[in-house]
Amino acid sequence: MTQEELKKILHTVYKNIRCPSCGKRFEFGHIHVKGFFNNLCFLELKCSDHLPLYATISAPTTASPDLMLNKIIDNEYIINAYDSLTRHTGGISELLSND
């Protein structure tokens, strides 16, 4: 995921997602990127008056459609993604790097 894709996701979340309890908009400072896995972005959205909302956003991918058709996302895939993200101790710059 590129920085431009991330900016688009954050801007879209800011414009379109509101607290389900009170309807307030999530300010940019309350939108926290928790991690990435392939083209998925995991977010925590904090409302000052309510419990946080956790969201998984799928970013557009530049991969071939044929390649994506063969990708199976099952429980094990999700668990592995979660484990990778919880073990990550670096910052967002390491998650965005293409190493």
PDB file of N, CA and C in Angstrom:
ATOM      1  N   MET A   1       0.850  -1.168   0.000  1.00  0.00           N
ATOM      2  CA  MET A   1       0.000   0.000   0.000  1.00  0.00           C
ATOM      3  C   MET A   1       0.897   1.232   0.000  1.00  0.00           C
ATOM      4  N   THR A   2       0.611   2.138  -0.907  1.00  0.00           N
ATOM      5  CA  THR A   2       1.417   3.350  -1.003  1.00  0.00           C
ATOM      6  C   THR A   2       0.903   4.405  -0.032  1.00  0.00           C
ATOM      7  N   GLN A   3       1.712   5.435   0.164  1.00  0.00           N
ATOM      8  CA  GLN A   3       1.296   6.527   1.040  1.00  0.00           C
ATOM      9  C   GLN A   3       0.082   7.255   0.476  1.00  0.00           C
ATOM     10  N   GLU A   4       0.005   7.357  -0.846  1.00  0.00           N
ATOM     11  CA  GLU A   4      -1.154   8.008  -1.469  1.00  0.00           C
ATOM     12  C   GLU A   4      -2.424   7.202  -1.208  1.00  0.00           C
ATOM     13  N   GLU A   5      -2.326   5.875  -1.307  1.00  0.00           N
ATOM     14  CA  GLU A   5      -3.487   5.028  -1.019  1.00  0.00           C
ATOM     15  C   GLU A   5      -3.922   5.190   0.436  1.00  0.00           C
ATOM     16  N   LEU A   6      -2.943   5.256   1.347  1.00  0.00           N
ATOM     17  CA  LEU A   6      -3.248   5.439   2.758  1.00  0.00           C
ATOM     18  C   LEU A   6      -3.934   6.779   2.997  1.00  0.00           C
ATOM     19  N   LYS A   7      -3.437   7.828   2.358  1.00  0.00           N
ATOM     20  CA  LYS A   7      -4.070   9.150   2.497  1.00  0.00           C
ATOM     21  C   LYS A   7      -5.516   9.122   2.022  1.00  0.00           C
ATOM     22  N   LYS A   8      -5.761   8.441   0.907  1.00  0.00           N
ATOM     23  CA  LYS A   8      -7.123   8.340   0.380  1.00  0.00           C
ATOM     24  C   LYS A   8      -8.029   7.591   1.360  1.00  0.00           C
ATOM     25  N   ILE A   9      -7.513   6.515   1.939  1.00  0.00           N
ATOM     26  CA  ILE A   9      -8.296   5.740   2.907  1.00  0.00           C
ATOM     27  C   ILE A   9      -8.651   6.608   4.109  1.00  0.00           C
ATOM     28  N   LEU A  10      -7.658   7.299   4.672  1.00  0.00           N
ATOM     29  CA  LEU A  10      -7.901   8.127   5.851  1.00  0.00           C
ATOM     30  C   LEU A  10      -8.887   9.252   5.541  1.00  0.00           C
ATOM     31  N   HIS A  11      -8.761   9.844   4.375  1.00  0.00           N
ATOM     32  CA  HIS A  11      -9.682  10.923   3.992  1.00  0.00           C
ATOM     33  C   HIS A  11     -11.104  10.373   3.816  1.00  0.00           C
ATOM     34  N   THR A  12     -11.220   9.195   3.210  1.00  0.00           N
ATOM     35  CA  THR A  12     -12.531   8.569   3.022  1.00  0.00           C
ATOM     36  C   THR A  12     -13.161   8.218   4.359  1.00  0.00           C
ATOM     37  N   VAL A  13     -12.369   7.674   5.270  1.00  0.00           N
ATOM     38  CA  VAL A  13     -12.875   7.342   6.615  1.00  0.00           C
ATOM     39  C   VAL A  13     -13.351   8.617   7.299  1.00  0.00           C
ATOM     40  N   TYR A  14     -12.546   9.667   7.236  1.00  0.00           N
ATOM     41  CA  TYR A  14     -12.900  10.936   7.871  1.00  0.00           C
ATOM     42  C   TYR A  14     -14.231  11.467   7.327  1.00  0.00           C
ATOM     43  N   LYS A  15     -14.408  11.405   6.026  1.00  0.00           N
ATOM     44  CA  LYS A  15     -15.612  11.947   5.402  1.00  0.00           C
ATOM     45  C   LYS A  15     -16.851  11.089   5.624  1.00  0.00           C
ATOM     46  N   ASN A  16     -16.688   9.771   5.703  1.00  0.00           N
ATOM     47  CA  ASN A  16     -17.847   8.891   5.610  1.00  0.00           C
ATOM     48  C   ASN A  16     -18.197   8.069   6.845  1.00  0.00           C
ATOM     49  N   ILE A  17     -17.278   7.892   7.769  1.00  0.00           N
ATOM     50  CA  ILE A  17     -17.569   7.028   8.916  1.00  0.00           C
ATOM     51  C   ILE A  17     -17.741   7.881  10.163  1.00  0.00           C
ATOM     52  N   ARG A  18     -18.816   7.608  10.873  1.00  0.00           N
ATOM     53  CA  ARG A  18     -19.118   8.339  12.108  1.00  0.00           C
ATOM     54  C   ARG A  18     -19.322   7.352  13.239  1.00  0.00           C
ATOM     55  N   CYS A  19     -19.217   7.836  14.447  1.00  0.00           N
ATOM     56  CA  CYS A  19     -19.438   7.007  15.630  1.00  0.00           C
ATOM     57  C   CYS A  19     -20.848   6.416  15.548  1.00  0.00           C
ATOM     58  N   PRO A  20     -20.975   5.092  15.663  1.00  0.00           N
ATOM     59  CA  PRO A  20     -22.300   4.500  15.572  1.00  0.00           C
ATOM     60  C   PRO A  20     -23.195   4.837  16.769  1.00  0.00           C
ATOM     61  N   SER A  21     -22.604   5.270  17.880  1.00  0.00           N
ATOM     62  CA  SER A  21     -23.389   5.588  19.077  1.00  0.00           C
ATOM     63  C   SER A  21     -23.932   7.013  19.068  1.00  0.00           C
ATOM     64  N   CYS A  22     -23.094   7.970  18.657  1.00  0.00           N
ATOM     65  CA  CYS A  22     -23.528   9.373  18.748  1.00  0.00           C
ATOM     66  C   CYS A  22     -23.537  10.115  17.412  1.00  0.00           C
ATOM     67  N   GLY A  23     -22.953   9.521  16.388  1.00  0.00           N
ATOM     68  CA  GLY A  23     -22.963  10.159  15.075  1.00  0.00           C
ATOM     69  C   GLY A  23     -21.872  11.186  14.843  1.00  0.00           C
ATOM     70  N   LYS A  24     -20.977  11.365  15.819  1.00  0.00           N
ATOM     71  CA  LYS A  24     -19.881  12.333  15.638  1.00  0.00           C
ATOM     72  C   LYS A  24     -18.877  11.814  14.611  1.00  0.00           C
ATOM     73  N   ARG A  25     -18.288  12.757  13.902  1.00  0.00           N
ATOM     74  CA  ARG A  25     -17.223  12.436  12.950  1.00  0.00           C
ATOM     75  C   ARG A  25     -15.947  12.098  13.716  1.00  0.00           C
ATOM     76  N   PHE A  26     -15.187  11.128  13.228  1.00  0.00           N
ATOM     77  CA  PHE A  26     -13.890  10.802  13.819  1.00  0.00           C
ATOM     78  C   PHE A  26     -12.866  11.783  13.265  1.00  0.00           C
ATOM     79  N   GLU A  27     -12.255  12.576  14.131  1.00  0.00           N
ATOM     80  CA  GLU A  27     -11.234  13.527  13.708  1.00  0.00           C
ATOM     81  C   GLU A  27      -9.968  12.762  13.306  1.00  0.00           C
ATOM     82  N   PHE A  28      -9.132  13.371  12.479  1.00  0.00           N
ATOM     83  CA  PHE A  28      -7.911  12.705  12.014  1.00  0.00           C
ATOM     84  C   PHE A  28      -7.045  12.230  13.177  1.00  0.00           C
ATOM     85  N   GLY A  29      -6.981  13.011  14.237  1.00  0.00           N
ATOM     86  CA  GLY A  29      -6.174  12.628  15.399  1.00  0.00           C
ATOM     87  C   GLY A  29      -6.721  11.439  16.160  1.00  0.00           C
ATOM     88  N   HIS A  30      -7.949  11.052  15.848  1.00  0.00           N
ATOM     89  CA  HIS A  30      -8.575   9.907  16.513  1.00  0.00           C
ATOM     90  C   HIS A  30      -8.694   8.693  15.611  1.00  0.00           C
ATOM     91  N   ILE A  31      -8.083   8.768  14.432  1.00  0.00           N
ATOM     92  CA  ILE A  31      -8.037   7.636  13.504  1.00  0.00           C
ATOM     93  C   ILE A  31      -6.622   7.074  13.583  1.00  0.00           C
ATOM     94  N   HIS A  32      -6.507   5.878  14.113  1.00  0.00           N
ATOM     95  CA  HIS A  32      -5.190   5.268  14.323  1.00  0.00           C
ATOM     96  C   HIS A  32      -5.021   4.043  13.430  1.00  0.00           C
ATOM     97  N   VAL A  33      -3.954   4.044  12.642  1.00  0.00           N
ATOM     98  CA  VAL A  33      -3.635   2.895  11.813  1.00  0.00           C
ATOM     99  C   VAL A  33      -2.968   1.861  12.707  1.00  0.00           C
ATOM    100  N   LYS A  34      -3.577   0.692  12.808  1.00  0.00           N
ATOM    101  CA  LYS A  34      -3.045  -0.373  13.657  1.00  0.00           C
ATOM    102  C   LYS A  34      -2.120  -1.296  12.879  1.00  0.00           C
ATOM    103  N   GLY A  35      -2.271  -1.345  11.563  1.00  0.00           N
ATOM    104  CA  GLY A  35      -1.374  -2.179  10.772  1.00  0.00           C
ATOM    105  C   GLY A  35      -1.899  -2.424   9.373  1.00  0.00           C
ATOM    106  N   PHE A  36      -1.097  -3.172   8.625  1.00  0.00           N
ATOM    107  CA  PHE A  36      -1.400  -3.503   7.245  1.00  0.00           C
ATOM    108  C   PHE A  36      -1.129  -4.975   7.010  1.00  0.00           C
ATOM    109  N   PHE A  37      -1.836  -5.535   6.084  1.00  0.00           N
ATOM    110  CA  PHE A  37      -1.550  -6.884   5.610  1.00  0.00           C
ATOM    111  C   PHE A  37      -2.023  -6.938   4.172  1.00  0.00           C
ATOM    112  N   ASN A  38      -1.065  -7.065   3.251  1.00  0.00           N
ATOM    113  CA  ASN A  38      -1.355  -6.993   1.818  1.00  0.00           C
ATOM    114  C   ASN A  38      -2.114  -5.702   1.529  1.00  0.00           C
ATOM    115  N   ASN A  39      -3.328  -5.775   1.009  1.00  0.00           N
ATOM    116  CA  ASN A  39      -4.062  -4.545   0.699  1.00  0.00           C
ATOM    117  C   ASN A  39      -5.092  -4.199   1.778  1.00  0.00           C
ATOM    118  N   LEU A  40      -4.971  -4.813   2.965  1.00  0.00           N
ATOM    119  CA  LEU A  40      -5.890  -4.513   4.066  1.00  0.00           C
ATOM    120  C   LEU A  40      -5.247  -3.513   5.016  1.00  0.00           C
ATOM    121  N   CYS A  41      -6.040  -2.582   5.481  1.00  0.00           N
ATOM    122  CA  CYS A  41      -5.594  -1.582   6.451  1.00  0.00           C
ATOM    123  C   CYS A  41      -6.481  -1.727   7.683  1.00  0.00           C
ATOM    124  N   PHE A  42      -5.870  -1.926   8.847  1.00  0.00           N
ATOM    125  CA  PHE A  42      -6.599  -2.101  10.091  1.00  0.00           C
ATOM    126  C   PHE A  42      -6.574  -0.781  10.864  1.00  0.00           C
ATOM    127  N   LEU A  43      -7.753  -0.281  11.221  1.00  0.00           N
ATOM    128  CA  LEU A  43      -7.882   1.023  11.862  1.00  0.00           C
ATOM    129  C   LEU A  43      -8.592   0.915  13.204  1.00  0.00           C
ATOM    130  N   GLU A  44      -8.218   1.820  14.100  1.00  0.00           N
ATOM    131  CA  GLU A  44      -8.944   2.022  15.345  1.00  0.00           C
ATOM    132  C   GLU A  44      -9.460   3.457  15.310  1.00  0.00           C
ATOM    133  N   LEU A  45     -10.765   3.610  15.461  1.00  0.00           N
ATOM    134  CA  LEU A  45     -11.403   4.927  15.410  1.00  0.00           C
ATOM    135  C   LEU A  45     -11.920   5.233  16.804  1.00  0.00           C
ATOM    136  N   LYS A  46     -11.426   6.311  17.394  1.00  0.00           N
ATOM    137  CA  LYS A  46     -11.771   6.635  18.773  1.00  0.00           C
ATOM    138  C   LYS A  46     -12.744   7.809  18.849  1.00  0.00           C
ATOM    139  N   CYS A  47     -13.813   7.587  19.586  1.00  0.00           N
ATOM    140  CA  CYS A  47     -14.774   8.643  19.898  1.00  0.00           C
ATOM    141  C   CYS A  47     -14.504   9.045  21.343  1.00  0.00           C
ATOM    142  N   SER A  48     -14.513  10.324  21.627  1.00  0.00           N
ATOM    143  CA  SER A  48     -14.207  10.782  22.985  1.00  0.00           C
ATOM    144  C   SER A  48     -15.251  10.336  24.001  1.00  0.00           C
ATOM    145  N   ASP A  49     -16.445   9.975  23.546  1.00  0.00           N
ATOM    146  CA  ASP A  49     -17.519   9.609  24.465  1.00  0.00           C
ATOM    147  C   ASP A  49     -17.888   8.130  24.467  1.00  0.00           C
ATOM    148  N   HIS A  50     -17.322   7.338  23.546  1.00  0.00           N
ATOM    149  CA  HIS A  50     -17.752   5.948  23.419  1.00  0.00           C
ATOM    150  C   HIS A  50     -16.564   5.012  23.184  1.00  0.00           C
ATOM    151  N   LEU A  51     -16.841   3.720  23.212  1.00  0.00           N
ATOM    152  CA  LEU A  51     -15.802   2.722  22.952  1.00  0.00           C
ATOM    153  C   LEU A  51     -15.270   2.881  21.531  1.00  0.00           C
ATOM    154  N   PRO A  52     -14.004   2.506  21.303  1.00  0.00           N
ATOM    155  CA  PRO A  52     -13.451   2.644  19.952  1.00  0.00           C
ATOM    156  C   PRO A  52     -14.122   1.682  18.973  1.00  0.00           C
ATOM    157  N   LEU A  53     -14.057   2.056  17.723  1.00  0.00           N
ATOM    158  CA  LEU A  53     -14.559   1.244  16.626  1.00  0.00           C
ATOM    159  C   LEU A  53     -13.346   0.718  15.879  1.00  0.00           C
ATOM    160  N   TYR A  54     -13.345  -0.565  15.570  1.00  0.00           N
ATOM    161  CA  TYR A  54     -12.248  -1.164  14.816  1.00  0.00           C
ATOM    162  C   TYR A  54     -12.757  -1.471  13.415  1.00  0.00           C
ATOM    163  N   ALA A  55     -11.964  -1.115  12.419  1.00  0.00           N
ATOM    164  CA  ALA A  55     -12.386  -1.292  11.031  1.00  0.00           C
ATOM    165  C   ALA A  55     -11.258  -1.892  10.215  1.00  0.00           C
ATOM    166  N   THR A  56     -11.623  -2.686   9.250  1.00  0.00           N
ATOM    167  CA  THR A  56     -10.682  -3.219   8.269  1.00  0.00           C
ATOM    168  C   THR A  56     -11.110  -2.687   6.913  1.00  0.00           C
ATOM    169  N   ILE A  57     -10.196  -1.981   6.260  1.00  0.00           N
ATOM    170  CA  ILE A  57     -10.478  -1.356   4.977  1.00  0.00           C
ATOM    171  C   ILE A  57      -9.638  -2.043   3.912  1.00  0.00           C
ATOM    172  N   SER A  58     -10.249  -2.373   2.814  1.00  0.00           N
ATOM    173  CA  SER A  58      -9.535  -2.977   1.692  1.00  0.00           C
ATOM    174  C   SER A  58      -9.175  -1.881   0.696  1.00  0.00           C
ATOM    175  N   ALA A  59      -7.889  -1.704   0.472  1.00  0.00           N
ATOM    176  CA  ALA A  59      -7.427  -0.691  -0.481  1.00  0.00           C
ATOM    177  C   ALA A  59      -7.417  -1.281  -1.881  1.00  0.00           C
ATOM    178  N   PRO A  60      -7.634  -0.444  -2.878  1.00  0.00           N
ATOM    179  CA  PRO A  60      -7.529  -0.944  -4.253  1.00  0.00           C
ATOM    180  C   PRO A  60      -6.141  -1.532  -4.476  1.00  0.00           C
ATOM    181  N   THR A  61      -6.081  -2.568  -5.232  1.00  0.00           N
ATOM    182  CA  THR A  61      -4.798  -3.209  -5.478  1.00  0.00           C
ATOM    183  C   THR A  61      -4.431  -3.092  -6.953  1.00  0.00           C
ATOM    184  N   THR A  62      -3.139  -3.082  -7.209  1.00  0.00           N
ATOM    185  CA  THR A  62      -2.667  -3.029  -8.590  1.00  0.00           C
ATOM    186  C   THR A  62      -2.347  -4.430  -9.097  1.00  0.00           C
ATOM    187  N   ALA A  63      -2.634  -5.450  -8.273  1.00  0.00           N
ATOM    188  CA  ALA A  63      -2.362  -6.827  -8.676  1.00  0.00           C
ATOM    189  C   ALA A  63      -3.311  -7.244  -9.791  1.00  0.00           C
ATOM    190  N   SER A  64      -2.865  -8.201 -10.545  1.00  0.00           N
ATOM    191  CA  SER A  64      -3.684  -8.739 -11.622  1.00  0.00           C
ATOM    192  C   SER A  64      -4.962  -9.355 -11.068  1.00  0.00           C
ATOM    193  N   PRO A  65      -6.107  -9.148 -11.718  1.00  0.00           N
ATOM    194  CA  PRO A  65      -7.353  -9.757 -11.244  1.00  0.00           C
ATOM    195  C   PRO A  65      -7.261 -11.276 -11.151  1.00  0.00           C
ATOM    196  N   ASP A  66      -6.524 -11.909 -12.079  1.00  0.00           N
ATOM    197  CA  ASP A  66      -6.368 -13.364 -12.026  1.00  0.00           C
ATOM    198  C   ASP A  66      -5.657 -13.791 -10.753  1.00  0.00           C
ATOM    199  N   LEU A  67      -4.665 -13.015 -10.330  1.00  0.00           N
ATOM    200  CA  LEU A  67      -3.928 -13.323  -9.105  1.00  0.00           C
ATOM    201  C   LEU A  67      -4.847 -13.208  -7.889  1.00  0.00           C
ATOM    202  N   MET A  68      -5.701 -12.198  -7.884  1.00  0.00           N
ATOM    203  CA  MET A  68      -6.597 -11.997  -6.756  1.00  0.00           C
ATOM    204  C   MET A  68      -7.674 -13.082  -6.684  1.00  0.00           C
ATOM    205  N   LEU A  69      -8.084 -13.632  -7.813  1.00  0.00           N
ATOM    206  CA  LEU A  69      -9.092 -14.688  -7.800  1.00  0.00           C
ATOM    207  C   LEU A  69      -8.582 -15.936  -7.102  1.00  0.00           C
ATOM    208  N   ASN A  70      -7.281 -16.163  -7.146  1.00  0.00           N
ATOM    209  CA  ASN A  70      -6.700 -17.355  -6.528  1.00  0.00           C
ATOM    210  C   ASN A  70      -6.357 -17.153  -5.060  1.00  0.00           C
ATOM    211  N   LYS A  71      -6.565 -15.967  -4.538  1.00  0.00           N
ATOM    212  CA  LYS A  71      -6.219 -15.672  -3.149  1.00  0.00           C
ATOM    213  C   LYS A  71      -7.363 -16.098  -2.245  1.00  0.00           C
ATOM    214  N   ILE A  72      -7.072 -16.999  -1.333  1.00  0.00           N
ATOM    215  CA  ILE A  72      -8.091 -17.486  -0.405  1.00  0.00           C
ATOM    216  C   ILE A  72      -7.880 -16.821   0.941  1.00  0.00           C
ATOM    217  N   ILE A  73      -8.903 -16.144   1.415  1.00  0.00           N
ATOM    218  CA  ILE A  73      -8.847 -15.523   2.735  1.00  0.00           C
ATOM    219  C   ILE A  73      -9.735 -16.353   3.646  1.00  0.00           C
ATOM    220  N   ASP A  74      -9.088 -17.177   4.456  1.00  0.00           N
ATOM    221  CA  ASP A  74      -9.827 -18.028   5.381  1.00  0.00           C
ATOM    222  C   ASP A  74      -9.455 -17.648   6.809  1.00  0.00           C
ATOM    223  N   ASN A  75      -9.947 -18.405   7.780  1.00  0.00           N
ATOM    224  CA  ASN A  75      -9.677 -18.090   9.188  1.00  0.00           C
ATOM    225  C   ASN A  75      -8.190 -18.084   9.495  1.00  0.00           C
ATOM    226  N   GLU A  76      -7.449 -19.032   8.948  1.00  0.00           N
ATOM    227  CA  GLU A  76      -6.012 -19.107   9.210  1.00  0.00           C
ATOM    228  C   GLU A  76      -5.292 -17.867   8.672  1.00  0.00           C
ATOM    229  N   TYR A  77      -5.686 -17.414   7.494  1.00  0.00           N
ATOM    230  CA  TYR A  77      -5.110 -16.216   6.886  1.00  0.00           C
ATOM    231  C   TYR A  77      -5.328 -15.008   7.795  1.00  0.00           C
ATOM    232  N   ILE A  78      -6.539 -14.852   8.317  1.00  0.00           N
ATOM    233  CA  ILE A  78      -6.871 -13.722   9.196  1.00  0.00           C
ATOM    234  C   ILE A  78      -6.096 -13.823  10.511  1.00  0.00           C
ATOM    235  N   ILE A  79      -6.021 -15.016  11.077  1.00  0.00           N
ATOM    236  CA  ILE A  79      -5.288 -15.211  12.336  1.00  0.00           C
ATOM    237  C   ILE A  79      -3.815 -14.881  12.138  1.00  0.00           C
ATOM    238  N   ASN A  80      -3.230 -15.328  11.029  1.00  0.00           N
ATOM    239  CA  ASN A  80      -1.821 -15.021  10.746  1.00  0.00           C
ATOM    240  C   ASN A  80      -1.602 -13.524  10.583  1.00  0.00           C
ATOM    241  N   ALA A  81      -2.538 -12.849   9.919  1.00  0.00           N
ATOM    242  CA  ALA A  81      -2.430 -11.394   9.757  1.00  0.00           C
ATOM    243  C   ALA A  81      -2.489 -10.715  11.112  1.00  0.00           C
ATOM    244  N   TYR A  82      -3.424 -11.138  11.942  1.00  0.00           N
ATOM    245  CA  TYR A  82      -3.557 -10.562  13.285  1.00  0.00           C
ATOM    246  C   TYR A  82      -2.279 -10.796  14.100  1.00  0.00           C
ATOM    247  N   ASP A  83      -1.755 -12.023  14.069  1.00  0.00           N
ATOM    248  CA  ASP A  83      -0.531 -12.333  14.811  1.00  0.00           C
ATOM    249  C   ASP A  83       0.639 -11.471  14.352  1.00  0.00           C
ATOM    250  N   SER A  84       0.760 -11.285  13.038  1.00  0.00           N
ATOM    251  CA  SER A  84       1.838 -10.453  12.505  1.00  0.00           C
ATOM    252  C   SER A  84       1.720  -9.016  12.989  1.00  0.00           C
ATOM    253  N   LEU A  85       0.507  -8.506  13.002  1.00  0.00           N
ATOM    254  CA  LEU A  85       0.295  -7.119  13.418  1.00  0.00           C
ATOM    255  C   LEU A  85       0.531  -6.935  14.912  1.00  0.00           C
ATOM    256  N   THR A  86       0.138  -7.900  15.725  1.00  0.00           N
ATOM    257  CA  THR A  86       0.320  -7.750  17.169  1.00  0.00           C
ATOM    258  C   THR A  86       1.786  -7.892  17.564  1.00  0.00           C
ATOM    259  N   ARG A  87       2.569  -8.611  16.763  1.00  0.00           N
ATOM    260  CA  ARG A  87       4.004  -8.755  17.063  1.00  0.00           C
ATOM    261  C   ARG A  87       4.814  -7.563  16.562  1.00  0.00           C
ATOM    262  N   HIS A  88       4.235  -6.759  15.683  1.00  0.00           N
ATOM    263  CA  HIS A  88       4.958  -5.619  15.112  1.00  0.00           C
ATOM    264  C   HIS A  88       5.222  -4.586  16.203  1.00  0.00           C
ATOM    265  N   THR A  89       6.483  -4.223  16.359  1.00  0.00           N
ATOM    266  CA  THR A  89       6.857  -3.261  17.401  1.00  0.00           C
ATOM    267  C   THR A  89       7.349  -1.938  16.819  1.00  0.00           C
ATOM    268  N   GLY A  90       7.474  -1.877  15.518  1.00  0.00           N
ATOM    269  CA  GLY A  90       7.964  -0.654  14.896  1.00  0.00           C
ATOM    270  C   GLY A  90       6.849   0.350  14.674  1.00  0.00           C
ATOM    271  N   GLY A  91       7.172   1.380  13.949  1.00  0.00           N
ATOM    272  CA  GLY A  91       6.210   2.424  13.652  1.00  0.00           C
ATOM    273  C   GLY A  91       5.555   2.218  12.301  1.00  0.00           C
ATOM    274  N   ILE A  92       4.781   3.197  11.918  1.00  0.00           N
ATOM    275  CA  ILE A  92       4.048   3.104  10.664  1.00  0.00           C
ATOM    276  C   ILE A  92       4.985   3.130   9.457  1.00  0.00           C
ATOM    277  N   SER A  93       6.133   3.802   9.579  1.00  0.00           N
ATOM    278  CA  SER A  93       7.057   3.888   8.433  1.00  0.00           C
ATOM    279  C   SER A  93       7.575   2.506   8.037  1.00  0.00           C
ATOM    280  N   GLU A  94       7.806   1.633   9.042  1.00  0.00           N
ATOM    281  CA  GLU A  94       8.252   0.267   8.718  1.00  0.00           C
ATOM    282  C   GLU A  94       7.147  -0.515   8.025  1.00  0.00           C
ATOM    283  N   LEU A  95       5.884  -0.258   8.426  1.00  0.00           N
ATOM    284  CA  LEU A  95       4.782  -0.965   7.779  1.00  0.00           C
ATOM    285  C   LEU A  95       4.574  -0.502   6.348  1.00  0.00           C
ATOM    286  N   LEU A  96       4.894   0.764   6.073  1.00  0.00           N
ATOM    287  CA  LEU A  96       4.705   1.298   4.731  1.00  0.00           C
ATOM    288  C   LEU A  96       5.868   0.998   3.795  1.00  0.00           C
ATOM    289  N   SER A  97       7.001   0.590   4.331  1.00  0.00           N
ATOM    290  CA  SER A  97       8.170   0.350   3.485  1.00  0.00           C
ATOM    291  C   SER A  97       7.948  -0.891   2.642  1.00  0.00           C
ATOM    292  N   ASN A  98       8.590  -0.929   1.514  1.00  0.00           N
ATOM    293  CA  ASN A  98       8.449  -2.047   0.570  1.00  0.00           C
ATOM    294  C   ASN A  98       9.595  -3.038   0.670  1.00  0.00           C
ATOM    295  N   ASP A  99      10.218  -3.157   1.813  1.00  0.00           N
ATOM    296  CA  ASP A  99      11.356  -4.078   1.963  1.00  0.00           C
ATOM    297  C   ASP A  99      10.920  -5.516   1.886  1.00  0.00           C
TER     298      ASP A  99
END
